[in-house]
Amino acid sequence: MDSMILLVATILMWVAAFAGLYQRIFLVPKWFKEPPASFELIRAQTERMRSFWVILSTLCIVVLGTALYLNWDWQEGRTHLLGGLICFTLTGILGVAYFIKEIMYFSKIPASASLTPSLLKRIRLWLRWSPVRDFLLIFAALFVSIAYNHS
């Protein structure tokens, strides 16, 4: 069992979970305060956020995969690491398949556009389902933390 890689994986997973919560609590309300004018904030932050999440996600996947490989023979650890990897991967799949696509759509709407019923419906749907990503990141961090605590 390699506890150092488990520690690094645990730290990275909690960084991802807290970054997601920060985004959800502090940024998302501003993005959707007065749409579509408030979508300018999304447009202004898109490149920085994309770079941050790509780097962090890549690190998480590489470190989590390495932790899983190095601890494969440890059944209890393997189970928790797989749980963390599955939750983290689901977050990525949901992000690419829906959430990022919608945010990119919102960011391309001119600030002067009117708030149509169909746009309002898309916003409400995005807001209703976006906490799923946060829960998955928290579960991923918890699974990896359990593996680390049992190492």
N, C-alpha and C. Protein backbone atom coordinates (compact mmCIF):
# COMPACT_ATOMS: atom_id res chain seq x y z
N MET A 1 0.84 -1.17 0.00
CA MET A 1 0.00 0.00 0.00
C MET A 1 0.90 1.24 0.00
N ASP A 2 0.56 2.19 -0.82
CA ASP A 2 1.33 3.43 -0.95
C ASP A 2 0.50 4.59 -0.40
N SER A 3 0.76 4.96 0.85
CA SER A 3 -0.07 5.99 1.49
C SER A 3 0.27 7.40 1.03
N MET A 4 1.48 7.64 0.51
CA MET A 4 1.83 8.98 0.03
C MET A 4 0.98 9.37 -1.17
N ILE A 5 0.80 8.47 -2.11
CA ILE A 5 -0.03 8.77 -3.29
C ILE A 5 -1.49 8.91 -2.87
N LEU A 6 -1.89 8.17 -1.84
CA LEU A 6 -3.26 8.31 -1.32
C LEU A 6 -3.46 9.68 -0.69
N LEU A 7 -2.44 10.18 -0.01
CA LEU A 7 -2.52 11.52 0.57
C LEU A 7 -2.65 12.58 -0.52
N VAL A 8 -1.84 12.47 -1.54
CA VAL A 8 -1.90 13.43 -2.65
C VAL A 8 -3.27 13.36 -3.34
N ALA A 9 -3.76 12.15 -3.56
CA ALA A 9 -5.08 11.99 -4.18
C ALA A 9 -6.17 12.60 -3.31
N THR A 10 -6.07 12.39 -2.01
CA THR A 10 -7.06 12.95 -1.08
C THR A 10 -7.05 14.47 -1.14
N ILE A 11 -5.87 15.06 -1.10
CA ILE A 11 -5.76 16.52 -1.15
C ILE A 11 -6.34 17.06 -2.46
N LEU A 12 -5.98 16.44 -3.57
CA LEU A 12 -6.49 16.90 -4.88
C LEU A 12 -8.01 16.77 -4.97
N MET A 13 -8.55 15.68 -4.45
CA MET A 13 -10.00 15.50 -4.52
C MET A 13 -10.73 16.54 -3.69
N TRP A 14 -10.17 16.89 -2.53
CA TRP A 14 -10.81 17.91 -1.70
C TRP A 14 -10.63 19.30 -2.31
N VAL A 15 -9.52 19.54 -2.98
CA VAL A 15 -9.36 20.81 -3.70
C VAL A 15 -10.46 20.92 -4.77
N ALA A 16 -10.68 19.84 -5.51
CA ALA A 16 -11.74 19.84 -6.54
C ALA A 16 -13.11 20.05 -5.91
N ALA A 17 -13.38 19.36 -4.81
CA ALA A 17 -14.70 19.49 -4.17
C ALA A 17 -14.92 20.91 -3.65
N PHE A 18 -13.91 21.48 -2.99
CA PHE A 18 -14.07 22.84 -2.46
C PHE A 18 -14.10 23.88 -3.57
N ALA A 19 -13.35 23.66 -4.64
CA ALA A 19 -13.41 24.58 -5.78
C ALA A 19 -14.80 24.56 -6.41
N GLY A 20 -15.37 23.37 -6.53
CA GLY A 20 -16.73 23.25 -7.06
C GLY A 20 -17.75 23.94 -6.16
N LEU A 21 -17.60 23.76 -4.85
CA LEU A 21 -18.50 24.42 -3.91
C LEU A 21 -18.34 25.94 -3.93
N TYR A 22 -17.10 26.39 -4.02
CA TYR A 22 -16.85 27.83 -4.12
C TYR A 22 -17.54 28.40 -5.35
N GLN A 23 -17.35 27.72 -6.47
CA GLN A 23 -17.97 28.16 -7.72
C GLN A 23 -19.48 28.20 -7.57
N ARG A 24 -20.03 27.16 -6.98
CA ARG A 24 -21.48 27.06 -6.80
C ARG A 24 -22.03 28.13 -5.86
N ILE A 25 -21.34 28.39 -4.76
CA ILE A 25 -21.84 29.32 -3.75
C ILE A 25 -21.59 30.78 -4.12
N PHE A 26 -20.41 31.09 -4.67
CA PHE A 26 -20.04 32.48 -4.88
C PHE A 26 -20.14 32.97 -6.33
N LEU A 27 -19.86 32.11 -7.30
CA LEU A 27 -19.85 32.56 -8.69
C LEU A 27 -21.18 32.36 -9.40
N VAL A 28 -21.76 31.19 -9.27
CA VAL A 28 -23.00 30.87 -9.99
C VAL A 28 -24.12 31.87 -9.69
N PRO A 29 -24.34 32.28 -8.44
CA PRO A 29 -25.40 33.27 -8.21
C PRO A 29 -25.18 34.58 -8.98
N LYS A 30 -23.92 34.99 -9.12
CA LYS A 30 -23.61 36.20 -9.89
C LYS A 30 -23.86 35.99 -11.38
N TRP A 31 -23.51 34.80 -11.88
CA TRP A 31 -23.70 34.50 -13.29
C TRP A 31 -25.17 34.60 -13.70
N PHE A 32 -26.05 34.20 -12.78
CA PHE A 32 -27.46 34.12 -13.12
C PHE A 32 -28.30 35.19 -12.42
N LYS A 33 -27.65 36.24 -11.93
CA LYS A 33 -28.37 37.28 -11.19
C LYS A 33 -29.36 38.02 -12.08
N GLU A 34 -28.93 38.47 -13.25
CA GLU A 34 -29.79 39.18 -14.20
C GLU A 34 -29.49 38.74 -15.62
N PRO A 35 -29.86 37.52 -15.95
CA PRO A 35 -29.53 37.03 -17.29
C PRO A 35 -30.35 37.76 -18.36
N PRO A 36 -29.85 37.87 -19.52
CA PRO A 36 -28.54 37.46 -20.02
C PRO A 36 -27.41 38.46 -19.79
N ALA A 37 -27.69 39.64 -19.24
CA ALA A 37 -26.63 40.62 -19.00
C ALA A 37 -25.55 40.06 -18.06
N SER A 38 -25.95 39.32 -17.05
CA SER A 38 -24.98 38.77 -16.09
C SER A 38 -24.13 37.65 -16.71
N PHE A 39 -24.50 37.17 -17.88
CA PHE A 39 -23.68 36.15 -18.56
C PHE A 39 -22.33 36.71 -18.98
N GLU A 40 -22.19 38.03 -18.97
CA GLU A 40 -20.89 38.65 -19.26
C GLU A 40 -19.83 38.15 -18.28
N LEU A 41 -20.24 37.89 -17.05
CA LEU A 41 -19.30 37.38 -16.05
C LEU A 41 -18.78 35.99 -16.44
N ILE A 42 -19.64 35.18 -17.01
CA ILE A 42 -19.21 33.85 -17.47
C ILE A 42 -18.18 34.03 -18.57
N ARG A 43 -18.50 34.91 -19.51
CA ARG A 43 -17.60 35.15 -20.64
C ARG A 43 -16.23 35.62 -20.16
N ALA A 44 -16.23 36.50 -19.15
CA ALA A 44 -14.97 37.05 -18.64
C ALA A 44 -14.13 36.00 -17.90
N GLN A 45 -14.77 35.00 -17.32
CA GLN A 45 -14.06 34.02 -16.50
C GLN A 45 -13.81 32.69 -17.22
N THR A 46 -14.35 32.52 -18.40
CA THR A 46 -14.33 31.22 -19.07
C THR A 46 -12.92 30.65 -19.24
N GLU A 47 -12.00 31.43 -19.77
CA GLU A 47 -10.66 30.91 -20.06
C GLU A 47 -9.92 30.51 -18.79
N ARG A 48 -9.99 31.35 -17.77
CA ARG A 48 -9.33 31.03 -16.50
C ARG A 48 -9.92 29.78 -15.87
N MET A 49 -11.25 29.70 -15.86
CA MET A 49 -11.91 28.53 -15.26
C MET A 49 -11.59 27.26 -16.03
N ARG A 50 -11.60 27.37 -17.35
CA ARG A 50 -11.30 26.20 -18.17
C ARG A 50 -9.90 25.70 -17.87
N SER A 51 -8.93 26.59 -17.83
CA SER A 51 -7.55 26.19 -17.54
C SER A 51 -7.44 25.55 -16.16
N PHE A 52 -8.06 26.18 -15.16
CA PHE A 52 -8.03 25.64 -13.80
C PHE A 52 -8.61 24.24 -13.76
N TRP A 53 -9.82 24.04 -14.31
CA TRP A 53 -10.48 22.75 -14.22
C TRP A 53 -9.81 21.68 -15.06
N VAL A 54 -9.23 22.05 -16.21
CA VAL A 54 -8.52 21.05 -17.02
C VAL A 54 -7.28 20.57 -16.29
N ILE A 55 -6.51 21.50 -15.74
CA ILE A 55 -5.30 21.11 -15.00
C ILE A 55 -5.65 20.28 -13.78
N LEU A 56 -6.61 20.76 -12.98
CA LEU A 56 -6.99 20.03 -11.77
C LEU A 56 -7.57 18.65 -12.10
N SER A 57 -8.42 18.58 -13.08
CA SER A 57 -9.03 17.29 -13.45
C SER A 57 -7.98 16.31 -13.96
N THR A 58 -7.04 16.81 -14.75
CA THR A 58 -5.97 15.94 -15.26
C THR A 58 -5.14 15.41 -14.09
N LEU A 59 -4.77 16.30 -13.18
CA LEU A 59 -4.00 15.86 -12.00
C LEU A 59 -4.78 14.83 -11.19
N CYS A 60 -6.06 15.09 -10.98
CA CYS A 60 -6.89 14.15 -10.20
C CYS A 60 -6.94 12.78 -10.86
N ILE A 61 -7.19 12.75 -12.15
CA ILE A 61 -7.28 11.46 -12.86
C ILE A 61 -5.94 10.72 -12.82
N VAL A 62 -4.85 11.43 -13.09
CA VAL A 62 -3.53 10.78 -13.10
C VAL A 62 -3.18 10.26 -11.71
N VAL A 63 -3.35 11.09 -10.69
CA VAL A 63 -2.98 10.67 -9.33
C VAL A 63 -3.92 9.58 -8.82
N LEU A 64 -5.20 9.73 -9.09
CA LEU A 64 -6.16 8.70 -8.66
C LEU A 64 -5.90 7.38 -9.38
N GLY A 65 -5.62 7.45 -10.67
CA GLY A 65 -5.28 6.24 -11.42
C GLY A 65 -4.00 5.59 -10.90
N THR A 66 -3.01 6.40 -10.58
CA THR A 66 -1.75 5.89 -10.03
C THR A 66 -1.98 5.26 -8.65
N ALA A 67 -2.79 5.93 -7.83
CA ALA A 67 -3.10 5.39 -6.50
C ALA A 67 -3.81 4.04 -6.63
N LEU A 68 -4.73 3.97 -7.56
CA LEU A 68 -5.45 2.72 -7.78
C LEU A 68 -4.49 1.62 -8.23
N TYR A 69 -3.60 1.94 -9.16
CA TYR A 69 -2.63 0.97 -9.67
C TYR A 69 -1.70 0.49 -8.54
N LEU A 70 -1.16 1.44 -7.77
CA LEU A 70 -0.21 1.09 -6.72
C LEU A 70 -0.85 0.36 -5.54
N ASN A 71 -2.15 0.50 -5.38
CA ASN A 71 -2.85 -0.12 -4.25
C ASN A 71 -3.86 -1.18 -4.70
N TRP A 72 -3.70 -1.68 -5.90
CA TRP A 72 -4.66 -2.62 -6.46
C TRP A 72 -4.84 -3.87 -5.60
N ASP A 73 -3.79 -4.35 -5.00
CA ASP A 73 -3.86 -5.59 -4.22
C ASP A 73 -4.53 -5.40 -2.85
N TRP A 74 -4.77 -4.18 -2.46
CA TRP A 74 -5.41 -3.86 -1.19
C TRP A 74 -6.90 -3.68 -1.46
N GLN A 75 -7.69 -4.73 -1.19
CA GLN A 75 -9.09 -4.76 -1.62
C GLN A 75 -9.92 -3.61 -1.07
N GLU A 76 -9.82 -3.33 0.22
CA GLU A 76 -10.63 -2.26 0.81
C GLU A 76 -10.27 -0.90 0.17
N GLY A 77 -8.98 -0.66 0.01
CA GLY A 77 -8.54 0.58 -0.62
C GLY A 77 -8.97 0.66 -2.07
N ARG A 78 -8.84 -0.46 -2.77
CA ARG A 78 -9.23 -0.51 -4.17
C ARG A 78 -10.71 -0.17 -4.33
N THR A 79 -11.55 -0.71 -3.47
CA THR A 79 -12.99 -0.45 -3.54
C THR A 79 -13.29 1.04 -3.38
N HIS A 80 -12.67 1.66 -2.38
CA HIS A 80 -12.91 3.08 -2.15
C HIS A 80 -12.31 3.95 -3.25
N LEU A 81 -11.13 3.58 -3.73
CA LEU A 81 -10.52 4.34 -4.82
C LEU A 81 -11.35 4.23 -6.10
N LEU A 82 -11.89 3.04 -6.36
CA LEU A 82 -12.77 2.89 -7.52
C LEU A 82 -14.03 3.74 -7.36
N GLY A 83 -14.58 3.78 -6.15
CA GLY A 83 -15.75 4.63 -5.89
C GLY A 83 -15.44 6.08 -6.17
N GLY A 84 -14.27 6.54 -5.70
CA GLY A 84 -13.85 7.92 -5.95
C GLY A 84 -13.64 8.19 -7.43
N LEU A 85 -13.01 7.25 -8.11
CA LEU A 85 -12.76 7.41 -9.54
C LEU A 85 -14.07 7.43 -10.33
N ILE A 86 -15.00 6.58 -9.96
CA ILE A 86 -16.30 6.55 -10.65
C ILE A 86 -17.04 7.87 -10.44
N CYS A 87 -17.10 8.35 -9.21
CA CYS A 87 -17.79 9.62 -8.94
C CYS A 87 -17.12 10.77 -9.68
N PHE A 88 -15.79 10.82 -9.65
CA PHE A 88 -15.08 11.89 -10.33
C PHE A 88 -15.28 11.82 -11.84
N THR A 89 -15.25 10.61 -12.38
CA THR A 89 -15.46 10.43 -13.82
C THR A 89 -16.88 10.82 -14.23
N LEU A 90 -17.86 10.46 -13.41
CA LEU A 90 -19.24 10.87 -13.70
C LEU A 90 -19.38 12.39 -13.72
N THR A 91 -18.67 13.06 -12.81
CA THR A 91 -18.68 14.52 -12.80
C THR A 91 -18.17 15.06 -14.13
N GLY A 92 -17.09 14.49 -14.61
CA GLY A 92 -16.53 14.91 -15.89
C GLY A 92 -17.45 14.64 -17.06
N ILE A 93 -18.05 13.47 -17.06
CA ILE A 93 -18.97 13.10 -18.16
C ILE A 93 -20.16 14.04 -18.18
N LEU A 94 -20.76 14.28 -17.01
CA LEU A 94 -21.89 15.21 -16.93
C LEU A 94 -21.49 16.62 -17.34
N GLY A 95 -20.29 17.02 -16.92
CA GLY A 95 -19.80 18.35 -17.28
C GLY A 95 -19.67 18.51 -18.78
N VAL A 96 -19.02 17.57 -19.43
CA VAL A 96 -18.81 17.65 -20.88
C VAL A 96 -20.12 17.49 -21.64
N ALA A 97 -20.94 16.54 -21.21
CA ALA A 97 -22.17 16.24 -21.95
C ALA A 97 -23.24 17.32 -21.80
N TYR A 98 -23.27 18.01 -20.66
CA TYR A 98 -24.36 18.96 -20.45
C TYR A 98 -23.92 20.31 -19.88
N PHE A 99 -23.30 20.33 -18.72
CA PHE A 99 -23.08 21.57 -17.99
C PHE A 99 -22.16 22.54 -18.72
N ILE A 100 -21.04 22.08 -19.21
CA ILE A 100 -20.11 22.96 -19.92
C ILE A 100 -20.74 23.44 -21.22
N LYS A 101 -21.42 22.56 -21.90
CA LYS A 101 -22.07 22.93 -23.16
C LYS A 101 -23.09 24.05 -22.93
N GLU A 102 -23.86 23.93 -21.86
CA GLU A 102 -24.86 24.95 -21.56
C GLU A 102 -24.21 26.26 -21.13
N ILE A 103 -23.17 26.19 -20.32
CA ILE A 103 -22.47 27.42 -19.90
C ILE A 103 -21.88 28.12 -21.11
N MET A 104 -21.33 27.36 -22.04
CA MET A 104 -20.79 27.97 -23.26
C MET A 104 -21.91 28.62 -24.07
N TYR A 105 -23.07 27.98 -24.11
CA TYR A 105 -24.23 28.56 -24.79
C TYR A 105 -24.63 29.88 -24.12
N PHE A 106 -24.73 29.87 -22.78
CA PHE A 106 -25.11 31.08 -22.05
C PHE A 106 -24.09 32.20 -22.30
N SER A 107 -22.81 31.85 -22.32
CA SER A 107 -21.77 32.87 -22.47
C SER A 107 -21.78 33.52 -23.85
N LYS A 108 -22.40 32.89 -24.81
CA LYS A 108 -22.44 33.45 -26.17
C LYS A 108 -23.68 34.31 -26.41
N ILE A 109 -24.59 34.36 -25.46
CA ILE A 109 -25.79 35.18 -25.60
C ILE A 109 -25.41 36.63 -25.34
N PRO A 110 -25.74 37.53 -26.26
CA PRO A 110 -25.40 38.95 -26.05
C PRO A 110 -26.09 39.51 -24.80
N ALA A 111 -25.40 40.40 -24.13
CA ALA A 111 -25.93 41.01 -22.91
C ALA A 111 -27.23 41.76 -23.17
N SER A 112 -27.39 42.23 -24.40
CA SER A 112 -28.59 43.01 -24.74
C SER A 112 -29.79 42.14 -25.13
N ALA A 113 -29.59 40.84 -25.20
CA ALA A 113 -30.68 39.94 -25.59
C ALA A 113 -31.75 39.93 -24.51
N SER A 114 -32.94 39.56 -24.90
CA SER A 114 -34.02 39.50 -23.91
C SER A 114 -34.09 38.11 -23.28
N LEU A 115 -34.65 38.08 -22.09
CA LEU A 115 -34.81 36.82 -21.36
C LEU A 115 -36.10 36.15 -21.84
N THR A 116 -35.96 35.18 -22.71
CA THR A 116 -37.11 34.49 -23.27
C THR A 116 -37.54 33.35 -22.36
N PRO A 117 -38.77 32.89 -22.50
CA PRO A 117 -39.21 31.73 -21.69
C PRO A 117 -38.34 30.49 -21.91
N SER A 118 -37.89 30.26 -23.13
CA SER A 118 -37.06 29.08 -23.37
C SER A 118 -35.69 29.23 -22.72
N LEU A 119 -35.13 30.45 -22.72
CA LEU A 119 -33.85 30.67 -22.04
C LEU A 119 -34.03 30.51 -20.53
N LEU A 120 -35.10 31.05 -20.00
CA LEU A 120 -35.38 30.91 -18.56
C LEU A 120 -35.53 29.44 -18.17
N LYS A 121 -36.14 28.66 -19.03
CA LYS A 121 -36.30 27.23 -18.77
C LYS A 121 -34.93 26.53 -18.75
N ARG A 122 -34.05 26.90 -19.68
CA ARG A 122 -32.71 26.31 -19.73
C ARG A 122 -31.91 26.68 -18.48
N ILE A 123 -32.04 27.94 -18.06
CA ILE A 123 -31.34 28.39 -16.86
C ILE A 123 -31.82 27.61 -15.64
N ARG A 124 -33.12 27.51 -15.49
CA ARG A 124 -33.67 26.80 -14.33
C ARG A 124 -33.24 25.33 -14.32
N LEU A 125 -33.22 24.70 -15.48
CA LEU A 125 -32.81 23.31 -15.58
C LEU A 125 -31.34 23.17 -15.18
N TRP A 126 -30.50 24.06 -15.67
CA TRP A 126 -29.07 24.02 -15.35
C TRP A 126 -28.88 24.21 -13.85
N LEU A 127 -29.58 25.17 -13.28
CA LEU A 127 -29.45 25.43 -11.84
C LEU A 127 -29.99 24.28 -10.99
N ARG A 128 -31.05 23.64 -11.45
CA ARG A 128 -31.63 22.54 -10.70
C ARG A 128 -30.69 21.34 -10.65
N TRP A 129 -30.00 21.06 -11.76
CA TRP A 129 -29.18 19.86 -11.82
C TRP A 129 -27.71 20.08 -11.47
N SER A 130 -27.26 21.33 -11.41
CA SER A 130 -25.83 21.56 -11.15
C SER A 130 -25.35 21.09 -9.78
N PRO A 131 -26.18 21.05 -8.73
CA PRO A 131 -25.68 20.52 -7.45
C PRO A 131 -25.26 19.05 -7.53
N VAL A 132 -25.74 18.32 -8.52
CA VAL A 132 -25.34 16.91 -8.69
C VAL A 132 -23.82 16.82 -8.82
N ARG A 133 -23.23 17.75 -9.58
CA ARG A 133 -21.78 17.74 -9.75
C ARG A 133 -21.07 17.92 -8.41
N ASP A 134 -21.59 18.85 -7.61
CA ASP A 134 -20.97 19.09 -6.30
C ASP A 134 -21.05 17.86 -5.40
N PHE A 135 -22.21 17.22 -5.39
CA PHE A 135 -22.36 16.00 -4.58
C PHE A 135 -21.42 14.90 -5.06
N LEU A 136 -21.29 14.74 -6.37
CA LEU A 136 -20.38 13.72 -6.89
C LEU A 136 -18.93 14.02 -6.51
N LEU A 137 -18.53 15.29 -6.57
CA LEU A 137 -17.16 15.65 -6.17
C LEU A 137 -16.94 15.39 -4.69
N ILE A 138 -17.94 15.70 -3.87
CA ILE A 138 -17.82 15.45 -2.43
C ILE A 138 -17.74 13.95 -2.16
N PHE A 139 -18.59 13.17 -2.83
CA PHE A 139 -18.53 11.72 -2.66
C PHE A 139 -17.19 11.16 -3.12
N ALA A 140 -16.67 11.67 -4.23
CA ALA A 140 -15.36 11.23 -4.71
C ALA A 140 -14.29 11.51 -3.65
N ALA A 141 -14.32 12.73 -3.09
CA ALA A 141 -13.34 13.09 -2.06
C ALA A 141 -13.51 12.22 -0.81
N LEU A 142 -14.75 11.94 -0.44
CA LEU A 142 -14.99 11.08 0.72
C LEU A 142 -14.47 9.67 0.51
N PHE A 143 -14.73 9.10 -0.67
CA PHE A 143 -14.24 7.75 -0.97
C PHE A 143 -12.72 7.69 -0.87
N VAL A 144 -12.05 8.66 -1.46
CA VAL A 144 -10.58 8.67 -1.45
C VAL A 144 -10.07 8.91 -0.02
N SER A 145 -10.77 9.77 0.72
CA SER A 145 -10.38 10.02 2.12
C SER A 145 -10.51 8.75 2.97
N ILE A 146 -11.55 7.99 2.74
CA ILE A 146 -11.74 6.73 3.48
C ILE A 146 -10.59 5.77 3.17
N ALA A 147 -10.22 5.69 1.90
CA ALA A 147 -9.08 4.83 1.53
C ALA A 147 -7.82 5.30 2.24
N TYR A 148 -7.59 6.60 2.24
CA TYR A 148 -6.39 7.14 2.90
C TYR A 148 -6.42 6.87 4.41
N ASN A 149 -7.57 7.10 5.03
CA ASN A 149 -7.68 6.89 6.48
C ASN A 149 -7.49 5.44 6.90
N HIS A 150 -7.75 4.52 6.00
CA HIS A 150 -7.56 3.09 6.31
C HIS A 150 -6.18 2.59 5.89
N SER A 151 -5.37 3.47 5.36
CA SER A 151 -4.04 3.01 4.90
C SER A 151 -3.06 2.89 6.04
